[in-house]
Amino acid sequence: MNQHGFRPAQRLIDIASAVRSTPDLSRAALVELLARHGESPDDLTGAGFSDEDARELRDAAGLMSGILTETDADRAALALNEVLAAHASAPRLSRHDGHAWHLHVDHGDDAGWGNWFLASGALALAQILGEHGRVTWGACEATNCRNLYLGTGPGSPRRYCSPTCASRARVAAHRRRKQQAAPAEGPSNR
């Protein structure tokens, strides 16, 4: 279990990135991701997380990926409001499976995995958008990377999912500039 409590925004990013990179992500891979984010092993075995639940979660992650690639705050807010209207209900505090009290906005304890993911993910992004007044998430701009990122720290807005992608992009840009600046070598006019 995550010893620092639930981090629904990071869970959203991790699951949506995984599904974005591998649209048919296996049930086992989803179980591993959910467990890494503090979901109870009992809830992830057998009928607790079926193949149908995995499909529902993949579909929900795909829907949220559209919001996670939106760069305009107004459009992101409208999309989040639509997801909240369709999938969230009145907030309630919940404590289960040894977890501390935490907020739930899904349609109840019997809600499906997709409803839970959409409601909790949309609430997390709405809180971030409200706090920062801008979109702080996005799709990595590195070539051939399909990961999403969450950038809520100080400084300039993020453009990459990791220091590795940022470094690769800087090196590639440096090489392009160096190549463009090199004088064309050819016969001399002397």
Protein backbone atom coordinates (compact mmCIF):
# COMPACT_ATOMS: atom_id res chain seq x y z
CA MET A 1 0.00 0.00 0.00
CA ASN A 2 1.16 3.54 -0.66
CA GLN A 3 2.37 4.67 2.73
CA HIS A 4 1.59 8.31 1.96
CA GLY A 5 -2.10 7.74 1.32
CA PHE A 6 -4.01 7.66 -1.89
CA ARG A 7 -2.74 9.76 -4.78
CA PRO A 8 -5.63 9.59 -7.25
CA ALA A 9 -4.10 12.04 -9.74
CA GLN A 10 -0.89 10.02 -9.99
CA ARG A 11 -2.90 6.78 -10.19
CA LEU A 12 -4.87 8.32 -13.05
CA ILE A 13 -1.67 9.33 -14.87
CA ASP A 14 -0.04 5.92 -14.41
CA ILE A 15 -3.06 3.90 -15.55
CA ALA A 16 -3.98 6.24 -18.43
CA SER A 17 -0.34 6.25 -19.64
CA ALA A 18 -0.16 2.47 -19.51
CA VAL A 19 -3.41 2.09 -21.46
CA ARG A 20 -2.40 4.82 -23.90
CA SER A 21 0.84 2.95 -24.63
CA THR A 22 -0.80 -0.49 -24.65
CA PRO A 23 -4.53 -0.18 -25.44
CA ASP A 24 -5.13 -3.88 -24.77
CA LEU A 25 -3.22 -3.79 -21.46
CA SER A 26 -3.76 -7.09 -19.70
CA ARG A 27 -5.88 -7.61 -16.63
CA ALA A 28 -2.73 -8.73 -14.76
CA ALA A 29 -0.90 -5.51 -15.64
CA LEU A 30 -3.89 -3.46 -14.47
CA VAL A 31 -4.01 -5.45 -11.22
CA GLU A 32 -0.31 -4.69 -10.67
CA LEU A 33 -0.86 -0.97 -11.27
CA LEU A 34 -3.89 -0.85 -8.98
CA ALA A 35 -2.03 -2.73 -6.24
CA ARG A 36 0.89 -0.33 -6.54
CA HIS A 37 -1.59 2.48 -5.87
CA GLY A 38 -2.95 0.92 -2.71
CA GLU A 39 -5.91 -1.12 -3.89
CA SER A 40 -6.65 -4.15 -1.74
CA PRO A 41 -5.37 -7.49 -3.05
CA ASP A 42 -8.74 -8.97 -2.04
CA ASP A 43 -10.52 -6.51 -4.36
CA LEU A 44 -8.19 -7.42 -7.24
CA THR A 45 -8.52 -11.20 -7.24
CA GLY A 46 -11.16 -13.46 -8.74
CA ALA A 47 -14.55 -11.85 -9.20
CA GLY A 48 -13.31 -8.67 -7.48
CA PHE A 49 -11.61 -7.60 -10.72
CA SER A 50 -12.79 -9.60 -13.73
CA ASP A 51 -11.83 -9.38 -17.39
CA GLU A 52 -14.97 -7.25 -17.87
CA ASP A 53 -13.80 -4.93 -15.06
CA ALA A 54 -10.41 -4.64 -16.80
CA ARG A 55 -12.14 -3.71 -20.08
CA GLU A 56 -14.26 -1.13 -18.27
CA LEU A 57 -11.15 0.35 -16.63
CA ARG A 58 -9.27 0.46 -19.96
CA ASP A 59 -12.23 2.27 -21.57
CA ALA A 60 -12.36 4.76 -18.70
CA ALA A 61 -8.60 5.35 -18.95
CA GLY A 62 -9.00 6.02 -22.67
CA LEU A 63 -11.68 8.61 -21.98
CA MET A 64 -9.52 10.32 -19.35
CA SER A 65 -6.54 10.33 -21.73
CA GLY A 66 -8.48 12.78 -23.88
CA ILE A 67 -8.71 15.17 -20.95
CA LEU A 68 -5.09 14.56 -19.98
CA THR A 69 -3.96 15.72 -23.42
CA GLU A 70 -6.13 18.87 -23.36
CA THR A 71 -3.95 21.97 -23.01
CA ASP A 72 -6.68 24.61 -22.73
CA ALA A 73 -7.92 25.16 -19.15
CA ASP A 74 -11.45 26.13 -20.21
CA ARG A 75 -11.90 23.08 -22.44
CA ALA A 76 -10.37 20.85 -19.75
CA ALA A 77 -12.78 22.27 -17.14
CA LEU A 78 -15.77 21.64 -19.42
CA ALA A 79 -14.66 18.07 -20.08
CA LEU A 80 -14.08 17.43 -16.37
CA ASN A 81 -17.50 18.83 -15.55
CA GLU A 82 -19.05 16.44 -18.10
CA VAL A 83 -17.28 13.44 -16.56
CA LEU A 84 -18.24 14.52 -13.04
CA ALA A 85 -21.89 15.05 -14.05
CA ALA A 86 -22.05 11.60 -15.62
CA HIS A 87 -19.99 9.57 -13.15
CA ALA A 88 -19.78 11.31 -9.78
CA SER A 89 -22.23 11.53 -6.94
CA ALA A 90 -22.29 13.37 -3.63
CA PRO A 91 -18.90 13.17 -1.91
CA ARG A 92 -18.61 10.80 1.01
CA LEU A 93 -15.80 9.83 3.33
CA SER A 94 -14.87 6.17 3.25
CA ARG A 95 -12.53 3.99 5.29
CA HIS A 96 -12.01 0.43 4.18
CA ASP A 97 -9.39 -2.29 3.93
CA GLY A 98 -7.20 -0.66 6.58
CA HIS A 99 -6.94 2.65 4.71
CA ALA A 100 -7.35 6.01 6.41
CA TRP A 101 -10.46 8.09 5.75
CA HIS A 102 -10.54 9.31 2.17
CA LEU A 103 -13.00 10.92 -0.19
CA HIS A 104 -15.13 8.91 -2.63
CA VAL A 105 -17.34 10.48 -5.30
CA ASP A 106 -18.27 7.40 -7.32
CA HIS A 107 -21.77 5.96 -7.34
CA GLY A 108 -21.28 3.91 -4.18
CA ASP A 109 -19.47 0.84 -2.94
CA ASP A 110 -21.03 -1.26 -5.70
CA ALA A 111 -19.95 1.10 -8.49
CA GLY A 112 -17.93 -0.46 -11.27
CA TRP A 113 -14.22 0.07 -11.73
CA GLY A 114 -14.79 2.44 -14.66
CA ASN A 115 -17.19 4.64 -12.70
CA TRP A 116 -14.81 4.71 -9.75
CA PHE A 117 -11.83 5.58 -11.98
CA LEU A 118 -13.67 8.30 -13.90
CA ALA A 119 -15.17 9.93 -10.81
CA SER A 120 -12.00 9.86 -8.71
CA GLY A 121 -9.74 10.87 -11.60
CA ALA A 122 -11.97 13.76 -12.68
CA LEU A 123 -12.21 15.01 -9.10
CA ALA A 124 -8.43 14.87 -8.71
CA LEU A 125 -7.86 16.84 -11.93
CA ALA A 126 -10.61 19.32 -11.04
CA GLN A 127 -8.93 19.99 -7.70
CA ILE A 128 -5.57 20.52 -9.42
CA LEU A 129 -7.08 22.82 -12.06
CA GLY A 130 -8.88 24.79 -9.35
CA GLU A 131 -5.74 25.09 -7.23
CA HIS A 132 -3.34 26.04 -10.01
CA GLY A 133 -5.74 27.85 -12.34
CA ARG A 134 -4.17 26.11 -15.33
CA VAL A 135 -3.67 22.69 -16.86
CA THR A 136 -0.63 21.12 -15.19
CA TRP A 137 -0.82 17.79 -16.95
CA GLY A 138 -0.22 16.68 -20.50
CA ALA A 139 1.31 14.29 -23.00
CA CYS A 140 5.08 13.98 -23.12
CA GLU A 141 6.48 15.94 -26.07
CA ALA A 142 9.41 13.57 -26.59
CA THR A 143 9.47 11.76 -29.90
CA ASN A 144 8.07 8.23 -29.66
CA CYS A 145 6.86 8.65 -26.06
CA ARG A 146 3.17 8.17 -25.30
CA ASN A 147 3.36 8.75 -21.55
CA LEU A 148 1.33 11.35 -19.73
CA TYR A 149 2.66 13.52 -16.92
CA LEU A 150 1.40 15.47 -13.95
CA GLY A 151 3.34 18.65 -13.21
CA THR A 152 2.18 20.38 -10.07
CA GLY A 153 5.55 21.55 -8.79
CA PRO A 154 7.04 25.02 -8.92
CA GLY A 155 8.80 26.37 -11.97
CA SER A 156 8.05 26.30 -15.64
CA PRO A 157 5.26 24.08 -16.92
CA ARG A 158 6.39 20.54 -17.70
CA ARG A 159 6.60 19.23 -21.24
CA TYR A 160 8.06 15.80 -20.63
CA CYS A 161 7.10 12.77 -18.55
CA SER A 162 10.59 12.24 -17.12
CA PRO A 163 14.10 13.69 -16.95
CA THR A 164 15.14 10.97 -19.40
CA CYS A 165 12.70 12.15 -22.07
CA ALA A 166 13.60 15.80 -21.43
CA SER A 167 17.31 15.00 -21.79
CA ARG A 168 16.78 13.03 -25.01
CA ALA A 169 14.77 15.91 -26.48
CA ARG A 170 17.45 18.48 -25.49
CA VAL A 171 20.23 16.35 -27.00
CA ALA A 172 18.25 15.83 -30.23
CA ALA A 173 17.52 19.58 -30.49
CA HIS A 174 21.19 20.38 -29.86
CA ARG A 175 22.27 17.97 -32.60
CA ARG A 176 19.73 19.49 -35.03
CA ARG A 177 20.97 23.02 -34.30
CA LYS A 178 24.60 21.94 -34.63
CA GLN A 179 23.87 20.20 -37.94
CA GLN A 180 21.97 23.23 -39.29
CA ALA A 181 24.74 25.62 -38.23
CA ALA A 182 27.57 23.60 -39.81
CA PRO A 183 28.77 25.22 -43.02
CA ALA A 184 28.22 23.17 -46.10
CA GLU A 185 31.50 21.54 -46.93
CA GLY A 186 32.34 21.55 -50.55
CA PRO A 187 35.03 22.70 -53.00
CA SER A 188 36.60 25.99 -52.20
CA ASN A 189 36.31 28.93 -54.61
CA ARG A 190 39.99 29.73 -54.34
